N, C-alpha and C. Protein backbone atom coordinates (compact mmCIF):
# COMPACT_ATOMS: atom_id res chain seq x y z
N MET A 1 8.78 73.47 -4.56
CA MET A 1 8.45 73.89 -3.21
C MET A 1 8.13 75.37 -3.21
N THR A 2 7.02 75.75 -2.64
CA THR A 2 6.63 77.15 -2.66
C THR A 2 6.20 77.60 -1.27
N TRP A 3 6.22 78.91 -1.10
CA TRP A 3 5.73 79.51 0.15
C TRP A 3 4.25 79.21 0.27
N THR A 4 3.84 78.72 1.42
CA THR A 4 2.45 78.34 1.62
C THR A 4 1.62 79.55 2.02
N PRO A 5 0.56 79.90 1.27
CA PRO A 5 -0.27 81.04 1.61
C PRO A 5 -0.83 80.89 3.02
N GLY A 6 -0.83 81.99 3.76
CA GLY A 6 -1.40 81.97 5.10
C GLY A 6 -0.49 81.38 6.14
N ALA A 7 0.78 81.12 5.78
CA ALA A 7 1.69 80.51 6.74
C ALA A 7 1.85 81.36 7.97
N ASP A 8 1.88 82.71 7.78
CA ASP A 8 2.07 83.58 8.93
C ASP A 8 0.90 83.51 9.88
N ARG A 9 -0.30 83.33 9.36
CA ARG A 9 -1.47 83.23 10.25
C ARG A 9 -1.41 81.96 11.07
N ARG A 10 -0.97 80.85 10.45
CA ARG A 10 -0.87 79.60 11.20
C ARG A 10 0.19 79.72 12.28
N ILE A 11 1.26 80.42 11.97
CA ILE A 11 2.35 80.56 12.94
C ILE A 11 1.85 81.28 14.18
N GLN A 12 1.11 82.39 13.97
CA GLN A 12 0.65 83.16 15.12
C GLN A 12 -0.33 82.37 15.96
N GLY A 13 -0.99 81.39 15.37
CA GLY A 13 -1.92 80.59 16.14
C GLY A 13 -1.26 79.38 16.77
N GLY A 14 0.03 79.12 16.42
CA GLY A 14 0.70 77.92 16.91
C GLY A 14 1.96 78.24 17.66
N THR A 15 3.13 77.94 17.00
CA THR A 15 4.40 78.10 17.70
C THR A 15 4.75 79.54 17.97
N GLY A 16 4.27 80.46 17.15
CA GLY A 16 4.61 81.87 17.34
C GLY A 16 3.68 82.51 18.34
N GLN A 17 4.22 82.97 19.46
CA GLN A 17 3.42 83.65 20.45
C GLN A 17 3.82 85.10 20.47
N ARG A 18 2.89 85.97 20.71
CA ARG A 18 3.21 87.39 20.79
C ARG A 18 4.18 87.62 21.93
N ARG A 19 5.22 88.40 21.60
CA ARG A 19 6.25 88.65 22.59
C ARG A 19 5.94 89.92 23.35
N ASP A 20 4.82 89.96 24.01
CA ASP A 20 4.47 91.09 24.85
C ASP A 20 3.75 90.56 26.07
N GLN A 21 3.24 91.44 26.91
CA GLN A 21 2.64 90.99 28.16
C GLN A 21 1.39 90.17 27.95
N ALA A 22 0.74 90.32 26.78
CA ALA A 22 -0.45 89.52 26.51
C ALA A 22 -0.12 88.05 26.43
N ALA A 23 1.14 87.72 26.13
CA ALA A 23 1.55 86.33 26.01
C ALA A 23 1.92 85.73 27.37
N LEU A 24 1.99 86.56 28.38
CA LEU A 24 2.37 86.08 29.70
C LEU A 24 1.14 85.84 30.56
N GLY A 25 1.24 84.87 31.45
CA GLY A 25 0.18 84.65 32.41
C GLY A 25 0.25 85.70 33.50
N LYS A 26 -0.81 85.79 34.30
CA LYS A 26 -0.86 86.81 35.36
C LYS A 26 0.32 86.67 36.31
N GLU A 27 0.65 85.43 36.68
CA GLU A 27 1.75 85.21 37.61
C GLU A 27 3.07 85.67 37.01
N GLU A 28 3.29 85.35 35.72
CA GLU A 28 4.54 85.74 35.07
C GLU A 28 4.67 87.25 34.99
N ILE A 29 3.54 87.94 34.73
CA ILE A 29 3.55 89.40 34.65
C ILE A 29 3.94 89.99 36.01
N GLU A 30 3.38 89.41 37.06
CA GLU A 30 3.69 89.92 38.40
C GLU A 30 5.16 89.68 38.75
N VAL A 31 5.67 88.49 38.40
CA VAL A 31 7.07 88.18 38.66
C VAL A 31 7.96 89.15 37.91
N GLU A 32 7.64 89.38 36.62
CA GLU A 32 8.44 90.31 35.83
C GLU A 32 8.42 91.71 36.42
N ALA A 33 7.24 92.16 36.87
CA ALA A 33 7.12 93.50 37.43
C ALA A 33 7.96 93.65 38.70
N ARG A 34 7.94 92.61 39.54
CA ARG A 34 8.73 92.67 40.78
C ARG A 34 10.23 92.69 40.47
N LEU A 35 10.64 91.84 39.55
CA LEU A 35 12.05 91.80 39.17
C LEU A 35 12.49 93.11 38.54
N LEU A 36 11.62 93.69 37.72
CA LEU A 36 11.95 94.95 37.06
C LEU A 36 12.15 96.06 38.08
N ALA A 37 11.25 96.12 39.07
CA ALA A 37 11.37 97.16 40.10
C ALA A 37 12.68 97.00 40.88
N ARG A 38 13.01 95.77 41.22
CA ARG A 38 14.27 95.53 41.94
C ARG A 38 15.48 95.85 41.07
N ALA A 39 15.42 95.45 39.80
CA ALA A 39 16.54 95.71 38.90
C ALA A 39 16.74 97.21 38.69
N GLN A 40 15.65 97.96 38.57
CA GLN A 40 15.76 99.40 38.39
C GLN A 40 16.31 100.08 39.64
N ALA A 41 16.22 99.39 40.77
CA ALA A 41 16.79 99.92 42.00
C ALA A 41 18.26 99.53 42.15
N GLY A 42 18.79 98.81 41.15
CA GLY A 42 20.20 98.47 41.16
C GLY A 42 20.53 97.05 41.55
N ASP A 43 19.50 96.19 41.66
CA ASP A 43 19.71 94.80 42.06
C ASP A 43 20.15 93.99 40.83
N LEU A 44 21.43 93.66 40.76
CA LEU A 44 21.96 92.94 39.60
C LEU A 44 21.39 91.54 39.50
N ASP A 45 21.21 90.87 40.64
CA ASP A 45 20.65 89.51 40.62
C ASP A 45 19.25 89.52 40.02
N ALA A 46 18.47 90.52 40.37
CA ALA A 46 17.11 90.62 39.83
C ALA A 46 17.16 90.84 38.32
N PHE A 47 18.13 91.63 37.87
CA PHE A 47 18.26 91.87 36.43
C PHE A 47 18.61 90.58 35.70
N VAL A 48 19.50 89.78 36.28
CA VAL A 48 19.88 88.51 35.67
C VAL A 48 18.66 87.60 35.56
N GLU A 49 17.84 87.56 36.61
CA GLU A 49 16.62 86.76 36.57
C GLU A 49 15.66 87.29 35.52
N LEU A 50 15.56 88.61 35.43
CA LEU A 50 14.67 89.25 34.46
C LEU A 50 15.08 88.89 33.03
N ILE A 51 16.37 88.97 32.76
CA ILE A 51 16.87 88.60 31.44
C ILE A 51 16.58 87.14 31.15
N GLY A 52 16.70 86.30 32.18
CA GLY A 52 16.46 84.87 32.00
C GLY A 52 15.06 84.55 31.52
N LEU A 53 14.10 85.41 31.82
CA LEU A 53 12.73 85.18 31.36
C LEU A 53 12.61 85.30 29.85
N HIS A 54 13.48 86.10 29.25
CA HIS A 54 13.38 86.39 27.82
C HIS A 54 14.55 85.83 27.01
N ASP A 55 15.58 85.36 27.68
CA ASP A 55 16.81 84.98 26.98
C ASP A 55 16.64 83.91 25.90
N PRO A 56 15.87 82.84 26.11
CA PRO A 56 15.77 81.82 25.06
C PRO A 56 15.27 82.37 23.73
N ALA A 57 14.21 83.17 23.78
CA ALA A 57 13.66 83.72 22.54
C ALA A 57 14.61 84.73 21.92
N LEU A 58 15.26 85.55 22.75
CA LEU A 58 16.20 86.54 22.24
C LEU A 58 17.43 85.87 21.64
N ARG A 59 17.87 84.79 22.27
CA ARG A 59 19.02 84.04 21.77
C ARG A 59 18.70 83.42 20.40
N ALA A 60 17.50 82.89 20.26
CA ALA A 60 17.10 82.30 18.98
C ALA A 60 17.04 83.36 17.88
N LEU A 61 16.48 84.52 18.21
CA LEU A 61 16.40 85.59 17.22
C LEU A 61 17.79 86.05 16.81
N ALA A 62 18.67 86.26 17.79
CA ALA A 62 20.03 86.73 17.49
C ALA A 62 20.77 85.73 16.61
N TYR A 63 20.60 84.44 16.90
CA TYR A 63 21.29 83.44 16.07
C TYR A 63 20.76 83.45 14.65
N ARG A 64 19.44 83.56 14.51
CA ARG A 64 18.86 83.54 13.18
C ARG A 64 19.23 84.78 12.37
N LEU A 65 19.47 85.88 13.07
CA LEU A 65 19.88 87.09 12.37
C LEU A 65 21.36 87.05 11.99
N LEU A 66 22.19 86.51 12.89
CA LEU A 66 23.63 86.57 12.70
C LEU A 66 24.22 85.29 12.11
N GLY A 67 23.59 84.14 12.38
CA GLY A 67 24.06 82.89 11.80
C GLY A 67 25.38 82.40 12.35
N ASP A 68 25.81 82.91 13.51
CA ASP A 68 27.10 82.53 14.06
C ASP A 68 27.03 82.59 15.58
N PRO A 69 27.36 81.50 16.29
CA PRO A 69 27.24 81.48 17.75
C PRO A 69 28.09 82.55 18.45
N GLN A 70 29.30 82.78 17.95
CA GLN A 70 30.17 83.77 18.58
C GLN A 70 29.60 85.17 18.43
N ARG A 71 29.15 85.50 17.22
CA ARG A 71 28.55 86.82 17.00
C ARG A 71 27.27 86.96 17.82
N MET A 72 26.51 85.88 17.93
CA MET A 72 25.30 85.90 18.74
C MET A 72 25.64 86.25 20.18
N ASP A 73 26.64 85.56 20.76
CA ASP A 73 27.04 85.82 22.14
C ASP A 73 27.53 87.25 22.32
N ASP A 74 28.32 87.73 21.36
CA ASP A 74 28.82 89.10 21.45
C ASP A 74 27.69 90.11 21.42
N ALA A 75 26.73 89.89 20.51
CA ALA A 75 25.60 90.82 20.38
C ALA A 75 24.75 90.81 21.65
N LEU A 76 24.49 89.62 22.19
CA LEU A 76 23.68 89.54 23.40
C LEU A 76 24.39 90.18 24.59
N GLN A 77 25.69 89.97 24.69
CA GLN A 77 26.44 90.59 25.79
C GLN A 77 26.36 92.11 25.70
N ASP A 78 26.55 92.64 24.49
CA ASP A 78 26.44 94.09 24.30
C ASP A 78 25.03 94.58 24.63
N ALA A 79 24.03 93.82 24.17
CA ALA A 79 22.64 94.23 24.36
C ALA A 79 22.25 94.21 25.84
N TYR A 80 22.63 93.16 26.54
CA TYR A 80 22.25 93.05 27.95
C TYR A 80 22.94 94.10 28.80
N LEU A 81 24.19 94.41 28.44
CA LEU A 81 24.90 95.46 29.17
C LEU A 81 24.23 96.81 28.93
N LYS A 82 23.87 97.08 27.70
CA LYS A 82 23.19 98.32 27.39
C LYS A 82 21.84 98.38 28.09
N ALA A 83 21.12 97.25 28.12
CA ALA A 83 19.82 97.22 28.78
C ALA A 83 19.96 97.53 30.27
N PHE A 84 20.97 96.98 30.91
CA PHE A 84 21.17 97.24 32.35
C PHE A 84 21.48 98.71 32.59
N ARG A 85 22.32 99.28 31.74
CA ARG A 85 22.70 100.68 31.90
C ARG A 85 21.52 101.62 31.61
N SER A 86 20.59 101.16 30.76
CA SER A 86 19.47 102.01 30.36
C SER A 86 18.20 101.70 31.13
N LEU A 87 18.29 100.79 32.08
CA LEU A 87 17.09 100.29 32.74
C LEU A 87 16.29 101.39 33.43
N CYS A 88 16.98 102.34 34.01
CA CYS A 88 16.27 103.40 34.72
C CYS A 88 15.47 104.29 33.77
N SER A 89 15.83 104.27 32.50
CA SER A 89 15.10 105.09 31.53
C SER A 89 13.85 104.37 31.00
N PHE A 90 13.70 103.09 31.32
CA PHE A 90 12.52 102.35 30.86
C PHE A 90 11.31 102.81 31.67
N GLU A 91 10.32 103.37 30.98
CA GLU A 91 9.17 103.95 31.65
C GLU A 91 7.90 103.12 31.50
N GLY A 92 8.00 101.98 30.86
CA GLY A 92 6.84 101.11 30.73
C GLY A 92 5.84 101.54 29.68
N ARG A 93 6.27 102.39 28.73
CA ARG A 93 5.35 102.78 27.65
C ARG A 93 5.10 101.64 26.68
N SER A 94 5.99 100.68 26.67
CA SER A 94 5.82 99.45 25.89
C SER A 94 6.11 98.29 26.83
N ALA A 95 5.82 97.08 26.38
CA ALA A 95 6.14 95.90 27.19
C ALA A 95 7.65 95.81 27.35
N PHE A 96 8.09 95.36 28.52
CA PHE A 96 9.53 95.24 28.75
C PHE A 96 10.17 94.32 27.73
N GLY A 97 9.48 93.22 27.39
CA GLY A 97 10.02 92.28 26.41
C GLY A 97 10.26 92.94 25.06
N SER A 98 9.32 93.80 24.62
CA SER A 98 9.48 94.50 23.35
C SER A 98 10.66 95.46 23.39
N TRP A 99 10.80 96.15 24.54
CA TRP A 99 11.93 97.06 24.72
C TRP A 99 13.25 96.31 24.63
N LEU A 100 13.29 95.14 25.24
CA LEU A 100 14.50 94.33 25.23
C LEU A 100 14.77 93.78 23.83
N TYR A 101 13.72 93.37 23.12
CA TYR A 101 13.88 92.90 21.75
C TYR A 101 14.52 93.96 20.88
N ARG A 102 14.09 95.21 21.07
CA ARG A 102 14.63 96.28 20.23
C ARG A 102 16.12 96.47 20.49
N ILE A 103 16.53 96.40 21.74
CA ILE A 103 17.95 96.56 22.07
C ILE A 103 18.77 95.42 21.45
N VAL A 104 18.25 94.19 21.54
CA VAL A 104 18.94 93.04 20.96
C VAL A 104 18.99 93.16 19.44
N TYR A 105 17.90 93.57 18.84
CA TYR A 105 17.87 93.75 17.39
C TYR A 105 18.92 94.77 16.95
N ASN A 106 18.99 95.90 17.64
CA ASN A 106 19.98 96.92 17.28
C ASN A 106 21.40 96.41 17.46
N ALA A 107 21.63 95.63 18.50
CA ALA A 107 22.97 95.06 18.72
C ALA A 107 23.33 94.09 17.60
N CYS A 108 22.35 93.33 17.14
CA CYS A 108 22.60 92.40 16.02
C CYS A 108 22.90 93.17 14.74
N MET A 109 22.17 94.25 14.51
CA MET A 109 22.42 95.05 13.32
C MET A 109 23.80 95.67 13.36
N ASP A 110 24.24 96.08 14.54
CA ASP A 110 25.61 96.60 14.68
C ASP A 110 26.63 95.52 14.34
N GLN A 111 26.36 94.29 14.78
CA GLN A 111 27.25 93.18 14.45
C GLN A 111 27.30 92.96 12.94
N LEU A 112 26.15 93.01 12.30
CA LEU A 112 26.11 92.78 10.85
C LEU A 112 26.85 93.88 10.10
N ARG A 113 26.76 95.10 10.59
CA ARG A 113 27.48 96.20 9.93
C ARG A 113 28.98 96.03 10.05
N ARG A 114 29.42 95.41 11.16
CA ARG A 114 30.85 95.19 11.36
C ARG A 114 31.35 93.90 10.71
N GLN A 115 30.41 93.09 10.29
CA GLN A 115 30.76 91.76 9.77
C GLN A 115 31.59 91.88 8.50
N THR A 116 32.65 91.13 8.43
CA THR A 116 33.46 91.13 7.22
C THR A 116 32.75 90.34 6.13
N ARG A 117 33.27 90.46 4.92
CA ARG A 117 32.62 89.80 3.79
C ARG A 117 32.88 88.31 3.82
N GLY A 118 32.13 87.64 4.67
CA GLY A 118 32.28 86.19 4.75
C GLY A 118 30.98 85.49 4.49
N GLY A 119 29.94 86.29 4.20
CA GLY A 119 28.64 85.68 3.95
C GLY A 119 27.90 85.40 5.24
N TRP A 120 26.64 85.07 5.11
CA TRP A 120 25.79 84.77 6.26
C TRP A 120 25.29 83.35 6.11
N HIS A 121 25.26 82.62 7.20
CA HIS A 121 24.79 81.23 7.10
C HIS A 121 23.85 80.93 8.25
N LEU A 122 23.10 79.87 8.08
CA LEU A 122 22.19 79.39 9.12
C LEU A 122 22.22 77.88 9.08
N SER A 123 22.50 77.27 10.22
CA SER A 123 22.62 75.82 10.24
C SER A 123 21.27 75.15 10.00
N LEU A 124 21.32 73.93 9.47
CA LEU A 124 20.08 73.19 9.22
C LEU A 124 19.33 72.94 10.51
N ARG A 125 20.07 72.73 11.61
CA ARG A 125 19.41 72.47 12.89
C ARG A 125 18.58 73.68 13.32
N GLU A 126 19.14 74.89 13.12
CA GLU A 126 18.43 76.08 13.52
C GLU A 126 17.28 76.40 12.59
N VAL A 127 17.44 76.10 11.29
CA VAL A 127 16.34 76.32 10.37
C VAL A 127 15.14 75.46 10.76
N GLY A 128 15.40 74.32 11.38
CA GLY A 128 14.32 73.45 11.82
C GLY A 128 13.40 74.12 12.81
N GLY A 129 13.88 75.18 13.49
CA GLY A 129 13.05 75.88 14.44
C GLY A 129 12.22 76.98 13.82
N LEU A 130 12.40 77.23 12.51
CA LEU A 130 11.63 78.24 11.83
C LEU A 130 10.27 77.68 11.43
N PRO A 131 9.32 78.54 11.09
CA PRO A 131 8.00 78.06 10.69
C PRO A 131 8.06 77.16 9.47
N ASP A 132 7.12 76.22 9.38
CA ASP A 132 7.09 75.28 8.27
C ASP A 132 6.49 75.96 7.06
N LEU A 133 7.34 76.57 6.25
CA LEU A 133 6.87 77.28 5.08
C LEU A 133 6.60 76.34 3.92
N MET A 134 7.16 75.12 3.97
CA MET A 134 7.06 74.19 2.86
C MET A 134 6.64 72.82 3.40
N PRO A 135 5.36 72.57 3.56
CA PRO A 135 4.89 71.34 4.18
C PRO A 135 4.98 70.11 3.32
N ASP A 136 5.52 70.21 2.09
CA ASP A 136 5.70 69.06 1.23
C ASP A 136 6.53 68.01 1.96
N PRO A 137 6.07 66.75 2.00
CA PRO A 137 6.79 65.72 2.77
C PRO A 137 8.02 65.17 2.04
N GLY A 138 8.65 65.95 1.17
CA GLY A 138 9.85 65.51 0.45
C GLY A 138 11.06 65.49 1.34
N ASP A 139 12.20 65.71 0.76
CA ASP A 139 13.46 65.67 1.49
C ASP A 139 13.57 66.89 2.40
N LEU A 140 13.35 66.68 3.71
CA LEU A 140 13.30 67.79 4.65
C LEU A 140 14.64 68.51 4.75
N ALA A 141 15.73 67.76 4.71
CA ALA A 141 17.05 68.40 4.81
C ALA A 141 17.27 69.35 3.64
N ALA A 142 16.88 68.92 2.44
CA ALA A 142 17.05 69.78 1.27
C ALA A 142 16.16 71.01 1.37
N GLN A 143 14.98 70.85 1.89
CA GLN A 143 14.07 71.98 2.07
C GLN A 143 14.67 73.00 3.03
N ARG A 144 15.24 72.50 4.12
CA ARG A 144 15.82 73.41 5.10
C ARG A 144 17.01 74.16 4.50
N LEU A 145 17.79 73.46 3.70
CA LEU A 145 18.92 74.12 3.05
C LEU A 145 18.43 75.21 2.11
N ASP A 146 17.37 74.92 1.36
CA ASP A 146 16.80 75.91 0.46
C ASP A 146 16.30 77.12 1.24
N LEU A 147 15.64 76.87 2.37
CA LEU A 147 15.10 77.96 3.18
C LEU A 147 16.23 78.80 3.78
N ALA A 148 17.28 78.14 4.24
CA ALA A 148 18.42 78.88 4.79
C ALA A 148 19.03 79.79 3.74
N ALA A 149 19.20 79.26 2.52
CA ALA A 149 19.78 80.05 1.44
C ALA A 149 18.85 81.20 1.06
N ALA A 150 17.55 80.94 1.05
CA ALA A 150 16.59 81.98 0.69
C ALA A 150 16.61 83.10 1.74
N LEU A 151 16.64 82.75 3.01
CA LEU A 151 16.70 83.76 4.07
C LEU A 151 17.99 84.55 4.00
N ALA A 152 19.09 83.86 3.70
CA ALA A 152 20.39 84.52 3.62
C ALA A 152 20.43 85.53 2.48
N SER A 153 19.60 85.32 1.46
CA SER A 153 19.60 86.23 0.31
C SER A 153 18.88 87.54 0.62
N LEU A 154 18.12 87.58 1.71
CA LEU A 154 17.41 88.80 2.08
C LEU A 154 18.35 89.78 2.76
N SER A 155 18.01 91.05 2.70
CA SER A 155 18.76 92.04 3.46
C SER A 155 18.52 91.78 4.95
N PRO A 156 19.45 92.21 5.82
CA PRO A 156 19.24 92.01 7.27
C PRO A 156 17.92 92.59 7.75
N GLU A 157 17.52 93.74 7.20
CA GLU A 157 16.27 94.37 7.64
C GLU A 157 15.06 93.52 7.25
N MET A 158 15.07 93.00 6.03
CA MET A 158 13.96 92.15 5.61
C MET A 158 13.96 90.84 6.38
N ARG A 159 15.15 90.26 6.58
CA ARG A 159 15.24 89.00 7.31
C ARG A 159 14.72 89.17 8.73
N ALA A 160 15.08 90.28 9.37
CA ALA A 160 14.61 90.53 10.73
C ALA A 160 13.09 90.65 10.77
N THR A 161 12.52 91.31 9.77
CA THR A 161 11.07 91.49 9.74
C THR A 161 10.36 90.15 9.61
N VAL A 162 10.85 89.30 8.71
CA VAL A 162 10.27 87.97 8.54
C VAL A 162 10.38 87.16 9.83
N LEU A 163 11.55 87.20 10.45
CA LEU A 163 11.76 86.41 11.67
C LEU A 163 10.87 86.89 12.81
N LEU A 164 10.74 88.20 12.97
CA LEU A 164 9.93 88.72 14.07
C LEU A 164 8.45 88.39 13.88
N VAL A 165 7.96 88.54 12.66
CA VAL A 165 6.53 88.33 12.42
C VAL A 165 6.20 86.87 12.18
N ASP A 166 6.93 86.21 11.27
CA ASP A 166 6.58 84.85 10.89
C ASP A 166 7.17 83.79 11.80
N ALA A 167 8.35 84.03 12.37
CA ALA A 167 8.95 83.03 13.26
C ALA A 167 8.64 83.32 14.72
N GLU A 168 8.73 84.59 15.14
CA GLU A 168 8.48 84.93 16.54
C GLU A 168 7.01 85.21 16.81
N GLY A 169 6.21 85.43 15.77
CA GLY A 169 4.78 85.62 15.95
C GLY A 169 4.37 86.99 16.44
N MET A 170 5.22 87.99 16.27
CA MET A 170 4.86 89.34 16.72
C MET A 170 3.78 89.92 15.82
N ASP A 171 2.90 90.75 16.41
CA ASP A 171 1.98 91.51 15.58
C ASP A 171 2.75 92.67 14.96
N TYR A 172 2.15 93.31 13.98
CA TYR A 172 2.85 94.35 13.22
C TYR A 172 3.28 95.52 14.11
N GLU A 173 2.43 95.91 15.05
CA GLU A 173 2.75 97.05 15.90
C GLU A 173 3.96 96.76 16.79
N THR A 174 4.01 95.55 17.37
CA THR A 174 5.14 95.19 18.22
C THR A 174 6.42 95.10 17.39
N ALA A 175 6.32 94.49 16.22
CA ALA A 175 7.49 94.38 15.35
C ALA A 175 7.98 95.77 14.94
N ALA A 176 7.04 96.67 14.66
CA ALA A 176 7.42 98.03 14.29
C ALA A 176 8.18 98.72 15.41
N HIS A 177 7.73 98.49 16.65
CA HIS A 177 8.43 99.08 17.80
C HIS A 177 9.84 98.52 17.92
N VAL A 178 9.97 97.20 17.78
CA VAL A 178 11.28 96.57 17.89
C VAL A 178 12.22 97.07 16.81
N LEU A 179 11.71 97.18 15.58
CA LEU A 179 12.55 97.57 14.44
C LEU A 179 12.75 99.08 14.35
N GLY A 180 11.93 99.83 15.08
CA GLY A 180 12.05 101.28 15.04
C GLY A 180 11.58 101.89 13.73
N ILE A 181 10.52 101.29 13.15
CA ILE A 181 9.99 101.76 11.87
C ILE A 181 8.47 101.83 11.96
N PRO A 182 7.81 102.55 11.04
CA PRO A 182 6.34 102.60 11.05
C PRO A 182 5.73 101.24 10.72
N VAL A 183 4.49 101.05 11.15
CA VAL A 183 3.79 99.81 10.87
C VAL A 183 3.68 99.58 9.36
N GLY A 184 3.45 100.65 8.62
CA GLY A 184 3.34 100.51 7.17
C GLY A 184 4.62 99.97 6.54
N THR A 185 5.76 100.35 7.12
CA THR A 185 7.04 99.85 6.61
C THR A 185 7.19 98.36 6.91
N VAL A 186 6.70 97.94 8.08
CA VAL A 186 6.72 96.52 8.41
C VAL A 186 5.92 95.74 7.36
N ARG A 187 4.75 96.24 7.03
CA ARG A 187 3.90 95.56 6.05
C ARG A 187 4.60 95.47 4.68
N SER A 188 5.19 96.58 4.25
CA SER A 188 5.82 96.58 2.93
C SER A 188 7.06 95.70 2.91
N ARG A 189 7.87 95.75 3.98
CA ARG A 189 9.06 94.89 4.04
C ARG A 189 8.66 93.42 4.04
N LEU A 190 7.61 93.11 4.80
CA LEU A 190 7.17 91.72 4.90
C LEU A 190 6.66 91.24 3.54
N SER A 191 5.91 92.08 2.86
CA SER A 191 5.40 91.72 1.54
C SER A 191 6.54 91.46 0.56
N GLN A 192 7.54 92.35 0.56
CA GLN A 192 8.68 92.17 -0.34
C GLN A 192 9.47 90.92 0.02
N ALA A 193 9.68 90.70 1.32
CA ALA A 193 10.47 89.55 1.76
C ALA A 193 9.78 88.25 1.38
N ARG A 194 8.47 88.17 1.61
CA ARG A 194 7.74 86.95 1.27
C ARG A 194 7.75 86.71 -0.23
N ARG A 195 7.63 87.78 -1.00
CA ARG A 195 7.66 87.64 -2.46
C ARG A 195 9.01 87.10 -2.91
N ARG A 196 10.09 87.62 -2.33
CA ARG A 196 11.42 87.14 -2.69
C ARG A 196 11.65 85.70 -2.25
N LEU A 197 11.12 85.36 -1.08
CA LEU A 197 11.26 83.98 -0.61
C LEU A 197 10.48 83.02 -1.51
N ARG A 198 9.27 83.42 -1.90
CA ARG A 198 8.49 82.58 -2.82
C ARG A 198 9.26 82.33 -4.10
N ARG A 199 9.86 83.42 -4.62
CA ARG A 199 10.60 83.31 -5.88
C ARG A 199 11.81 82.40 -5.71
N ALA A 200 12.55 82.60 -4.59
CA ALA A 200 13.75 81.80 -4.37
C ALA A 200 13.42 80.33 -4.16
N LEU A 201 12.32 80.05 -3.48
CA LEU A 201 11.97 78.67 -3.16
C LEU A 201 11.25 77.97 -4.31
N SER A 202 10.92 78.70 -5.37
CA SER A 202 10.23 78.08 -6.51
C SER A 202 11.19 77.78 -7.65
N VAL A 203 12.48 78.08 -7.44
CA VAL A 203 13.48 77.82 -8.48
C VAL A 203 14.56 76.93 -7.90
N ASP A 204 14.92 75.86 -8.61
CA ASP A 204 15.92 74.94 -8.09
C ASP A 204 17.32 75.48 -8.35
N GLU A 205 18.32 74.72 -7.91
CA GLU A 205 19.70 75.18 -8.00
C GLU A 205 20.17 75.35 -9.45
N ARG A 206 19.44 74.79 -10.42
CA ARG A 206 19.82 74.96 -11.83
C ARG A 206 18.95 76.01 -12.52
N GLY A 207 18.17 76.70 -11.70
CA GLY A 207 17.38 77.80 -12.24
C GLY A 207 16.07 77.38 -12.86
N ARG A 208 15.63 76.16 -12.62
CA ARG A 208 14.38 75.70 -13.19
C ARG A 208 13.25 75.89 -12.21
N ASP A 209 12.10 76.31 -12.71
CA ASP A 209 10.94 76.55 -11.88
C ASP A 209 10.44 75.23 -11.32
N ARG A 210 10.25 75.21 -9.93
CA ARG A 210 9.79 73.98 -9.30
C ARG A 210 8.34 74.09 -8.88
N SER A 211 7.71 75.22 -9.13
CA SER A 211 6.33 75.39 -8.66
C SER A 211 5.36 74.68 -9.60
């Protein structure tokens, strides 16, 4: 089983949608703008509704980064509280969704830094929501397990880059904003991560090349 060339391009054209205002319809953009204005004026209910527009995608990202429901909830709680407290400082220089992604990403990284040495895991059910990197019609459960192990072998920074670009469908500039790094660093991290994933997915559990 090997990494399929061009998988990231297929993702962006399919399940992966850009997480910025370009991905929203006109009505959704207007709703978000109204909620944002109310939330910045101190309306907590409006903020809760605003978060609800982005919560499913943010929750999926946090779980894939942390691999644990409790840590995911803790990170999201910290992130949303920080977002509410910082809302007045949001000036609209980037899409609100991208701004929120960055706060959630940083909260997840804080969780990972505090994480004890227990390893990182990802359930097979959640791996099923990741892009189809291995379209071979073999044993799907085994493929998902291999992919989970391969992702877990990456550093948190590399894993986040792969998830944002290949799973969430972000363009490089948006991912760079979320990660707080230059676009060139996104490209280099993604290249290294994909190379490591290809290598991990081409060797079986006994170390034999499967490609």
